[in-house]
Amino acid sequence: MLLSDWMCTICGCVNFARRTSCFQGMAERIIGMRTSLRENIEKLGSPLSWEHITNQIGMFFYSGMTPEQVDCLTKEFHIYFVVAGHAYCYDRT
């Protein structure tokens, strides 16, 4: 099977160039989301370093939060992380 025969999971196309473009676009949106998240946390006056959010790559990131902090976010704000403090950077267009 050729790479060009694989279907894109984002748009359903089978064209290799278009599929590559879809993934590049998704990666750029995730980078933008990470940057925006970090900037907004810093604007709120957090004294902590949040560089790890923008230094990491991929669809998951380690937040650095304790299980107790994750539990608080879930109970009070309905923000869901796994207990280990990892979050999924979900990209949906």
PDB file of N, CA and C in Angstrom:
ATOM      1  N   MET A   1       0.854  -1.182   0.000  1.00  0.00           N
ATOM      2  CA  MET A   1       0.000   0.000   0.000  1.00  0.00           C
ATOM      3  C   MET A   1       0.895   1.239   0.000  1.00  0.00           C
ATOM      4  N   LEU A   2       0.548   2.194  -0.828  1.00  0.00           N
ATOM      5  CA  LEU A   2       1.291   3.444  -0.898  1.00  0.00           C
ATOM      6  C   LEU A   2       0.814   4.407   0.169  1.00  0.00           C
ATOM      7  N   LEU A   3       1.720   5.298   0.599  1.00  0.00           N
ATOM      8  CA  LEU A   3       1.320   6.322   1.564  1.00  0.00           C
ATOM      9  C   LEU A   3       0.150   7.138   1.044  1.00  0.00           C
ATOM     10  N   SER A   4       0.106   7.402  -0.263  1.00  0.00           N
ATOM     11  CA  SER A   4      -0.961   8.218  -0.836  1.00  0.00           C
ATOM     12  C   SER A   4      -2.310   7.516  -0.784  1.00  0.00           C
ATOM     13  N   ASP A   5      -2.341   6.221  -0.480  1.00  0.00           N
ATOM     14  CA  ASP A   5      -3.596   5.484  -0.382  1.00  0.00           C
ATOM     15  C   ASP A   5      -4.217   5.578   1.002  1.00  0.00           C
ATOM     16  N   TRP A   6      -3.487   6.069   1.964  1.00  0.00           N
ATOM     17  CA  TRP A   6      -4.016   6.176   3.317  1.00  0.00           C
ATOM     18  C   TRP A   6      -4.972   7.344   3.417  1.00  0.00           C
ATOM     19  N   MET A   7      -6.009   7.185   4.176  1.00  0.00           N
ATOM     20  CA  MET A   7      -6.991   8.252   4.321  1.00  0.00           C
ATOM     21  C   MET A   7      -6.626   9.162   5.492  1.00  0.00           C
ATOM     22  N   CYS A   8      -6.772  10.453   5.280  1.00  0.00           N
ATOM     23  CA  CYS A   8      -6.530  11.443   6.324  1.00  0.00           C
ATOM     24  C   CYS A   8      -7.608  11.316   7.396  1.00  0.00           C
ATOM     25  N   THR A   9      -7.199  11.274   8.642  1.00  0.00           N
ATOM     26  CA  THR A   9      -8.162  11.173   9.746  1.00  0.00           C
ATOM     27  C   THR A   9      -8.796  12.508  10.080  1.00  0.00           C
ATOM     28  N   ILE A  10      -8.282  13.587   9.525  1.00  0.00           N
ATOM     29  CA  ILE A  10      -8.828  14.921   9.799  1.00  0.00           C
ATOM     30  C   ILE A  10      -9.912  15.288   8.791  1.00  0.00           C
ATOM     31  N   CYS A  11      -9.606  15.150   7.486  1.00  0.00           N
ATOM     32  CA  CYS A  11     -10.568  15.600   6.473  1.00  0.00           C
ATOM     33  C   CYS A  11     -11.105  14.471   5.605  1.00  0.00           C
ATOM     34  N   GLY A  12     -10.554  13.263   5.727  1.00  0.00           N
ATOM     35  CA  GLY A  12     -11.037  12.127   4.946  1.00  0.00           C
ATOM     36  C   GLY A  12     -10.443  12.029   3.553  1.00  0.00           C
ATOM     37  N   CYS A  13      -9.528  12.921   3.192  1.00  0.00           N
ATOM     38  CA  CYS A  13      -8.942  12.891   1.853  1.00  0.00           C
ATOM     39  C   CYS A  13      -7.912  11.763   1.748  1.00  0.00           C
ATOM     40  N   VAL A  14      -7.577  11.395   0.522  1.00  0.00           N
ATOM     41  CA  VAL A  14      -6.553  10.375   0.301  1.00  0.00           C
ATOM     42  C   VAL A  14      -5.337  10.960  -0.411  1.00  0.00           C
ATOM     43  N   ASN A  15      -5.358  12.237  -0.690  1.00  0.00           N
ATOM     44  CA  ASN A  15      -4.259  12.915  -1.353  1.00  0.00           C
ATOM     45  C   ASN A  15      -3.144  13.184  -0.344  1.00  0.00           C
ATOM     46  N   PHE A  16      -1.932  12.696  -0.638  1.00  0.00           N
ATOM     47  CA  PHE A  16      -0.825  12.817   0.315  1.00  0.00           C
ATOM     48  C   PHE A  16      -0.501  14.273   0.631  1.00  0.00           C
ATOM     49  N   ALA A  17      -0.436  15.138  -0.380  1.00  0.00           N
ATOM     50  CA  ALA A  17      -0.086  16.540  -0.142  1.00  0.00           C
ATOM     51  C   ALA A  17      -1.141  17.224   0.716  1.00  0.00           C
ATOM     52  N   ARG A  18      -2.414  16.947   0.439  1.00  0.00           N
ATOM     53  CA  ARG A  18      -3.475  17.588   1.229  1.00  0.00           C
ATOM     54  C   ARG A  18      -3.463  17.056   2.663  1.00  0.00           C
ATOM     55  N   ARG A  19      -3.243  15.748   2.800  1.00  0.00           N
ATOM     56  CA  ARG A  19      -3.206  15.153   4.141  1.00  0.00           C
ATOM     57  C   ARG A  19      -2.056  15.749   4.943  1.00  0.00           C
ATOM     58  N   THR A  20      -0.902  15.920   4.317  1.00  0.00           N
ATOM     59  CA  THR A  20       0.245  16.533   4.991  1.00  0.00           C
ATOM     60  C   THR A  20      -0.101  17.948   5.425  1.00  0.00           C
ATOM     61  N   SER A  21      -0.795  18.681   4.573  1.00  0.00           N
ATOM     62  CA  SER A  21      -1.229  20.037   4.903  1.00  0.00           C
ATOM     63  C   SER A  21      -2.182  20.033   6.096  1.00  0.00           C
ATOM     64  N   CYS A  22      -3.081  19.055   6.144  1.00  0.00           N
ATOM     65  CA  CYS A  22      -4.013  18.945   7.279  1.00  0.00           C
ATOM     66  C   CYS A  22      -3.254  18.767   8.590  1.00  0.00           C
ATOM     67  N   PHE A  23      -2.261  17.874   8.591  1.00  0.00           N
ATOM     68  CA  PHE A  23      -1.502  17.621   9.812  1.00  0.00           C
ATOM     69  C   PHE A  23      -0.646  18.817  10.212  1.00  0.00           C
ATOM     70  N   GLN A  24      -0.105  19.515   9.229  1.00  0.00           N
ATOM     71  CA  GLN A  24       0.668  20.724   9.537  1.00  0.00           C
ATOM     72  C   GLN A  24      -0.239  21.776  10.161  1.00  0.00           C
ATOM     73  N   GLY A  25      -1.440  21.915   9.611  1.00  0.00           N
ATOM     74  CA  GLY A  25      -2.403  22.867  10.170  1.00  0.00           C
ATOM     75  C   GLY A  25      -2.786  22.510  11.590  1.00  0.00           C
ATOM     76  N   MET A  26      -3.004  21.212  11.847  1.00  0.00           N
ATOM     77  CA  MET A  26      -3.352  20.761  13.189  1.00  0.00           C
ATOM     78  C   MET A  26      -2.207  21.052  14.156  1.00  0.00           C
ATOM     79  N   ALA A  27      -0.981  20.783  13.729  1.00  0.00           N
ATOM     80  CA  ALA A  27       0.177  21.041  14.591  1.00  0.00           C
ATOM     81  C   ALA A  27       0.290  22.531  14.911  1.00  0.00           C
ATOM     82  N   GLU A  28       0.054  23.379  13.921  1.00  0.00           N
ATOM     83  CA  GLU A  28       0.121  24.822  14.151  1.00  0.00           C
ATOM     84  C   GLU A  28      -0.963  25.281  15.126  1.00  0.00           C
ATOM     85  N   ARG A  29      -2.173  24.710  15.020  1.00  0.00           N
ATOM     86  CA  ARG A  29      -3.245  25.079  15.948  1.00  0.00           C
ATOM     87  C   ARG A  29      -2.920  24.634  17.371  1.00  0.00           C
ATOM     88  N   ILE A  30      -2.306  23.463  17.526  1.00  0.00           N
ATOM     89  CA  ILE A  30      -1.926  22.980  18.859  1.00  0.00           C
ATOM     90  C   ILE A  30      -0.839  23.875  19.451  1.00  0.00           C
ATOM     91  N   ILE A  31       0.136  24.272  18.640  1.00  0.00           N
ATOM     92  CA  ILE A  31       1.181  25.191  19.114  1.00  0.00           C
ATOM     93  C   ILE A  31       0.550  26.512  19.540  1.00  0.00           C
ATOM     94  N   GLY A  32      -0.388  27.008  18.748  1.00  0.00           N
ATOM     95  CA  GLY A  32      -1.079  28.249  19.093  1.00  0.00           C
ATOM     96  C   GLY A  32      -1.880  28.122  20.378  1.00  0.00           C
ATOM     97  N   MET A  33      -2.530  26.970  20.579  1.00  0.00           N
ATOM     98  CA  MET A  33      -3.295  26.736  21.795  1.00  0.00           C
ATOM     99  C   MET A  33      -2.372  26.711  23.005  1.00  0.00           C
ATOM    100  N   ARG A  34      -1.227  26.057  22.880  1.00  0.00           N
ATOM    101  CA  ARG A  34      -0.256  26.010  23.979  1.00  0.00           C
ATOM    102  C   ARG A  34       0.242  27.416  24.332  1.00  0.00           C
ATOM    103  N   THR A  35       0.552  28.196  23.295  1.00  0.00           N
ATOM    104  CA  THR A  35       1.037  29.562  23.504  1.00  0.00           C
ATOM    105  C   THR A  35      -0.034  30.404  24.195  1.00  0.00           C
ATOM    106  N   SER A  36      -1.255  30.309  23.717  1.00  0.00           N
ATOM    107  CA  SER A  36      -2.364  31.069  24.297  1.00  0.00           C
ATOM    108  C   SER A  36      -2.616  30.663  25.752  1.00  0.00           C
ATOM    109  N   LEU A  37      -2.585  29.364  26.022  1.00  0.00           N
ATOM    110  CA  LEU A  37      -2.794  28.881  27.390  1.00  0.00           C
ATOM    111  C   LEU A  37      -1.734  29.448  28.317  1.00  0.00           C
ATOM    112  N   ARG A  38      -0.478  29.351  27.905  1.00  0.00           N
ATOM    113  CA  ARG A  38       0.616  29.863  28.742  1.00  0.00           C
ATOM    114  C   ARG A  38       0.483  31.371  28.961  1.00  0.00           C
ATOM    115  N   GLU A  39       0.218  32.121  27.888  1.00  0.00           N
ATOM    116  CA  GLU A  39       0.101  33.572  28.003  1.00  0.00           C
ATOM    117  C   GLU A  39      -1.029  33.965  28.950  1.00  0.00           C
ATOM    118  N   ASN A  40      -2.156  33.274  28.852  1.00  0.00           N
ATOM    119  CA  ASN A  40      -3.288  33.619  29.715  1.00  0.00           C
ATOM    120  C   ASN A  40      -3.038  33.258  31.176  1.00  0.00           C
ATOM    121  N   ILE A  41      -2.365  32.155  31.420  1.00  0.00           N
ATOM    122  CA  ILE A  41      -2.021  31.805  32.799  1.00  0.00           C
ATOM    123  C   ILE A  41      -1.075  32.863  33.375  1.00  0.00           C
ATOM    124  N   GLU A  42      -0.105  33.283  32.576  1.00  0.00           N
ATOM    125  CA  GLU A  42       0.850  34.289  33.042  1.00  0.00           C
ATOM    126  C   GLU A  42       0.168  35.643  33.253  1.00  0.00           C
ATOM    127  N   LYS A  43      -0.799  35.990  32.397  1.00  0.00           N
ATOM    128  CA  LYS A  43      -1.540  37.246  32.564  1.00  0.00           C
ATOM    129  C   LYS A  43      -2.345  37.267  33.857  1.00  0.00           C
ATOM    130  N   LEU A  44      -2.765  36.082  34.303  1.00  0.00           N
ATOM    131  CA  LEU A  44      -3.517  35.989  35.552  1.00  0.00           C
ATOM    132  C   LEU A  44      -2.626  36.186  36.777  1.00  0.00           C
ATOM    133  N   GLY A  45      -1.317  36.299  36.545  1.00  0.00           N
ATOM    134  CA  GLY A  45      -0.400  36.616  37.632  1.00  0.00           C
ATOM    135  C   GLY A  45       0.214  35.422  38.333  1.00  0.00           C
ATOM    136  N   SER A  46       0.210  34.279  37.704  1.00  0.00           N
ATOM    137  CA  SER A  46       0.820  33.113  38.331  1.00  0.00           C
ATOM    138  C   SER A  46       2.317  33.360  38.536  1.00  0.00           C
ATOM    139  N   PRO A  47       2.815  33.124  39.746  1.00  0.00           N
ATOM    140  CA  PRO A  47       4.238  33.332  40.009  1.00  0.00           C
ATOM    141  C   PRO A  47       5.107  32.170  39.513  1.00  0.00           C
ATOM    142  N   LEU A  48       4.484  31.116  39.039  1.00  0.00           N
ATOM    143  CA  LEU A  48       5.210  29.922  38.603  1.00  0.00           C
ATOM    144  C   LEU A  48       5.658  30.046  37.151  1.00  0.00           C
ATOM    145  N   SER A  49       6.623  29.234  36.774  1.00  0.00           N
ATOM    146  CA  SER A  49       7.059  29.164  35.381  1.00  0.00           C
ATOM    147  C   SER A  49       6.151  28.191  34.635  1.00  0.00           C
ATOM    148  N   TRP A  50       5.628  28.615  33.494  1.00  0.00           N
ATOM    149  CA  TRP A  50       4.757  27.766  32.674  1.00  0.00           C
ATOM    150  C   TRP A  50       5.412  27.456  31.335  1.00  0.00           C
ATOM    151  N   GLU A  51       6.740  27.610  31.267  1.00  0.00           N
ATOM    152  CA  GLU A  51       7.465  27.338  30.026  1.00  0.00           C
ATOM    153  C   GLU A  51       7.299  25.904  29.551  1.00  0.00           C
ATOM    154  N   HIS A  52       7.084  24.994  30.482  1.00  0.00           N
ATOM    155  CA  HIS A  52       6.976  23.589  30.098  1.00  0.00           C
ATOM    156  C   HIS A  52       5.795  23.341  29.159  1.00  0.00           C
ATOM    157  N   ILE A  53       4.778  24.199  29.192  1.00  0.00           N
ATOM    158  CA  ILE A  53       3.633  24.024  28.298  1.00  0.00           C
ATOM    159  C   ILE A  53       4.042  24.282  26.852  1.00  0.00           C
ATOM    160  N   THR A  54       4.825  25.307  26.615  1.00  0.00           N
ATOM    161  CA  THR A  54       5.239  25.618  25.249  1.00  0.00           C
ATOM    162  C   THR A  54       6.520  24.894  24.836  1.00  0.00           C
ATOM    163  N   ASN A  55       7.273  24.373  25.792  1.00  0.00           N
ATOM    164  CA  ASN A  55       8.494  23.625  25.458  1.00  0.00           C
ATOM    165  C   ASN A  55       8.185  22.191  25.034  1.00  0.00           C
ATOM    166  N   GLN A  56       7.044  21.668  25.440  1.00  0.00           N
ATOM    167  CA  GLN A  56       6.667  20.310  25.086  1.00  0.00           C
ATOM    168  C   GLN A  56       6.030  20.311  23.698  1.00  0.00           C
ATOM    169  N   ILE A  57       6.030  19.157  23.047  1.00  0.00           N
ATOM    170  CA  ILE A  57       5.381  19.027  21.746  1.00  0.00           C
ATOM    171  C   ILE A  57       4.404  17.867  21.787  1.00  0.00           C
ATOM    172  N   GLY A  58       3.518  17.832  20.843  1.00  0.00           N
ATOM    173  CA  GLY A  58       2.565  16.732  20.742  1.00  0.00           C
ATOM    174  C   GLY A  58       1.196  17.099  21.288  1.00  0.00           C
ATOM    175  N   MET A  59       0.320  16.108  21.323  1.00  0.00           N
ATOM    176  CA  MET A  59      -1.068  16.339  21.688  1.00  0.00           C
ATOM    177  C   MET A  59      -1.322  16.244  23.185  1.00  0.00           C
ATOM    178  N   PHE A  60      -0.345  15.790  23.944  1.00  0.00           N
ATOM    179  CA  PHE A  60      -0.470  15.727  25.391  1.00  0.00           C
ATOM    180  C   PHE A  60       0.567  16.646  26.005  1.00  0.00           C
ATOM    181  N   PHE A  61       0.275  17.159  27.184  1.00  0.00           N
ATOM    182  CA  PHE A  61       1.299  17.912  27.892  1.00  0.00           C
ATOM    183  C   PHE A  61       1.189  17.629  29.380  1.00  0.00           C
ATOM    184  N   TYR A  62       2.315  17.717  30.040  1.00  0.00           N
ATOM    185  CA  TYR A  62       2.360  17.539  31.479  1.00  0.00           C
ATOM    186  C   TYR A  62       2.172  18.895  32.117  1.00  0.00           C
ATOM    187  N   SER A  63       1.163  19.034  32.944  1.00  0.00           N
ATOM    188  CA  SER A  63       0.817  20.320  33.543  1.00  0.00           C
ATOM    189  C   SER A  63       1.681  20.672  34.746  1.00  0.00           C
ATOM    190  N   GLY A  64       2.229  19.670  35.429  1.00  0.00           N
ATOM    191  CA  GLY A  64       2.989  19.922  36.643  1.00  0.00           C
ATOM    192  C   GLY A  64       2.112  20.004  37.882  1.00  0.00           C
ATOM    193  N   MET A  65       0.809  19.791  37.715  1.00  0.00           N
ATOM    194  CA  MET A  65      -0.108  19.876  38.853  1.00  0.00           C
ATOM    195  C   MET A  65      -0.116  18.571  39.654  1.00  0.00           C
ATOM    196  N   THR A  66      -0.364  18.722  40.933  1.00  0.00           N
ATOM    197  CA  THR A  66      -0.466  17.562  41.810  1.00  0.00           C
ATOM    198  C   THR A  66      -1.843  16.917  41.639  1.00  0.00           C
ATOM    199  N   PRO A  67      -2.010  15.672  42.086  1.00  0.00           N
ATOM    200  CA  PRO A  67      -3.333  15.046  42.033  1.00  0.00           C
ATOM    201  C   PRO A  67      -4.399  15.860  42.772  1.00  0.00           C
ATOM    202  N   GLU A  68      -4.004  16.517  43.857  1.00  0.00           N
ATOM    203  CA  GLU A  68      -4.952  17.332  44.615  1.00  0.00           C
ATOM    204  C   GLU A  68      -5.407  18.545  43.798  1.00  0.00           C
ATOM    205  N   GLN A  69      -4.493  19.168  43.072  1.00  0.00           N
ATOM    206  CA  GLN A  69      -4.838  20.308  42.232  1.00  0.00           C
ATOM    207  C   GLN A  69      -5.739  19.876  41.071  1.00  0.00           C
ATOM    208  N   VAL A  70      -5.427  18.735  40.483  1.00  0.00           N
ATOM    209  CA  VAL A  70      -6.253  18.198  39.399  1.00  0.00           C
ATOM    210  C   VAL A  70      -7.664  17.927  39.916  1.00  0.00           C
ATOM    211  N   ASP A  71      -7.772  17.339  41.104  1.00  0.00           N
ATOM    212  CA  ASP A  71      -9.068  17.051  41.711  1.00  0.00           C
ATOM    213  C   ASP A  71      -9.865  18.337  41.946  1.00  0.00           C
ATOM    214  N   CYS A  72      -9.199  19.373  42.404  1.00  0.00           N
ATOM    215  CA  CYS A  72      -9.852  20.662  42.640  1.00  0.00           C
ATOM    216  C   CYS A  72     -10.404  21.239  41.335  1.00  0.00           C
ATOM    217  N   LEU A  73      -9.616  21.206  40.264  1.00  0.00           N
ATOM    218  CA  LEU A  73     -10.087  21.714  38.972  1.00  0.00           C
ATOM    219  C   LEU A  73     -11.305  20.941  38.477  1.00  0.00           C
ATOM    220  N   THR A  74     -11.277  19.632  38.689  1.00  0.00           N
ATOM    221  CA  THR A  74     -12.398  18.800  38.255  1.00  0.00           C
ATOM    222  C   THR A  74     -13.656  19.120  39.043  1.00  0.00           C
ATOM    223  N   LYS A  75     -13.540  19.171  40.361  1.00  0.00           N
ATOM    224  CA  LYS A  75     -14.717  19.394  41.210  1.00  0.00           C
ATOM    225  C   LYS A  75     -15.282  20.810  41.101  1.00  0.00           C
ATOM    226  N   GLU A  76     -14.408  21.802  41.030  1.00  0.00           N
ATOM    227  CA  GLU A  76     -14.874  23.186  41.056  1.00  0.00           C
ATOM    228  C   GLU A  76     -15.161  23.783  39.685  1.00  0.00           C
ATOM    229  N   PHE A  77     -14.436  23.339  38.645  1.00  0.00           N
ATOM    230  CA  PHE A  77     -14.550  23.999  37.349  1.00  0.00           C
ATOM    231  C   PHE A  77     -14.870  23.051  36.188  1.00  0.00           C
ATOM    232  N   HIS A  78     -14.990  21.747  36.480  1.00  0.00           N
ATOM    233  CA  HIS A  78     -15.247  20.739  35.437  1.00  0.00           C
ATOM    234  C   HIS A  78     -14.169  20.766  34.350  1.00  0.00           C
ATOM    235  N   ILE A  79     -12.916  20.926  34.789  1.00  0.00           N
ATOM    236  CA  ILE A  79     -11.755  20.820  33.908  1.00  0.00           C
ATOM    237  C   ILE A  79     -11.122  19.477  34.223  1.00  0.00           C
ATOM    238  N   TYR A  80     -10.966  18.652  33.207  1.00  0.00           N
ATOM    239  CA  TYR A  80     -10.568  17.273  33.440  1.00  0.00           C
ATOM    240  C   TYR A  80      -9.160  16.971  32.927  1.00  0.00           C
ATOM    241  N   PHE A  81      -8.335  16.459  33.805  1.00  0.00           N
ATOM    242  CA  PHE A  81      -6.992  15.972  33.516  1.00  0.00           C
ATOM    243  C   PHE A  81      -6.942  14.529  34.021  1.00  0.00           C
ATOM    244  N   VAL A  82      -5.955  13.785  33.592  1.00  0.00           N
ATOM    245  CA  VAL A  82      -5.715  12.513  34.253  1.00  0.00           C
ATOM    246  C   VAL A  82      -5.042  12.829  35.579  1.00  0.00           C
ATOM    247  N   VAL A  83      -5.134  11.934  36.532  1.00  0.00           N
ATOM    248  CA  VAL A  83      -4.635  12.205  37.882  1.00  0.00           C
ATOM    249  C   VAL A  83      -3.157  12.588  37.886  1.00  0.00           C
ATOM    250  N   ALA A  84      -2.384  12.059  36.951  1.00  0.00           N
ATOM    251  CA  ALA A  84      -0.953  12.365  36.902  1.00  0.00           C
ATOM    252  C   ALA A  84      -0.681  13.787  36.418  1.00  0.00           C
ATOM    253  N   GLY A  85      -1.725  14.528  36.030  1.00  0.00           N
ATOM    254  CA  GLY A  85      -1.549  15.913  35.615  1.00  0.00           C
ATOM    255  C   GLY A  85      -1.318  16.100  34.125  1.00  0.00           C
ATOM    256  N   HIS A  86      -1.541  15.053  33.332  1.00  0.00           N
ATOM    257  CA  HIS A  86      -1.401  15.183  31.893  1.00  0.00           C
ATOM    258  C   HIS A  86      -2.718  15.672  31.297  1.00  0.00           C
ATOM    259  N   ALA A  87      -2.623  16.495  30.274  1.00  0.00           N
ATOM    260  CA  ALA A  87      -3.813  16.987  29.589  1.00  0.00           C
ATOM    261  C   ALA A  87      -3.673  16.697  28.096  1.00  0.00           C
ATOM    262  N   TYR A  88      -4.799  16.569  27.459  1.00  0.00           N
ATOM    263  CA  TYR A  88      -4.847  16.324  26.035  1.00  0.00           C
ATOM    264  C   TYR A  88      -5.155  17.637  25.337  1.00  0.00           C
ATOM    265  N   CYS A  89      -4.328  18.023  24.385  1.00  0.00           N
ATOM    266  CA  CYS A  89      -4.553  19.246  23.598  1.00  0.00           C
ATOM    267  C   CYS A  89      -5.449  18.859  22.434  1.00  0.00           C
ATOM    268  N   TYR A  90      -6.717  18.977  22.624  1.00  0.00           N
ATOM    269  CA  TYR A  90      -7.665  18.527  21.627  1.00  0.00           C
ATOM    270  C   TYR A  90      -7.827  19.575  20.544  1.00  0.00           C
ATOM    271  N   ASP A  91      -7.676  19.163  19.307  1.00  0.00           N
ATOM    272  CA  ASP A  91      -7.796  20.062  18.156  1.00  0.00           C
ATOM    273  C   ASP A  91      -9.015  19.657  17.359  1.00  0.00           C
ATOM    274  N   ARG A  92     -10.022  20.487  17.381  1.00  0.00           N
ATOM    275  CA  ARG A  92     -11.247  20.188  16.636  1.00  0.00           C
ATOM    276  C   ARG A  92     -11.636  21.414  15.831  1.00  0.00           C
ATOM    277  N   THR A  93     -11.747  21.253  14.515  1.00  0.00           N
ATOM    278  CA  THR A  93     -12.141  22.396  13.674  1.00  0.00           C
ATOM    279  C   THR A  93     -13.542  22.204  13.163  1.00  0.00           C
TER     280      THR A  93
END
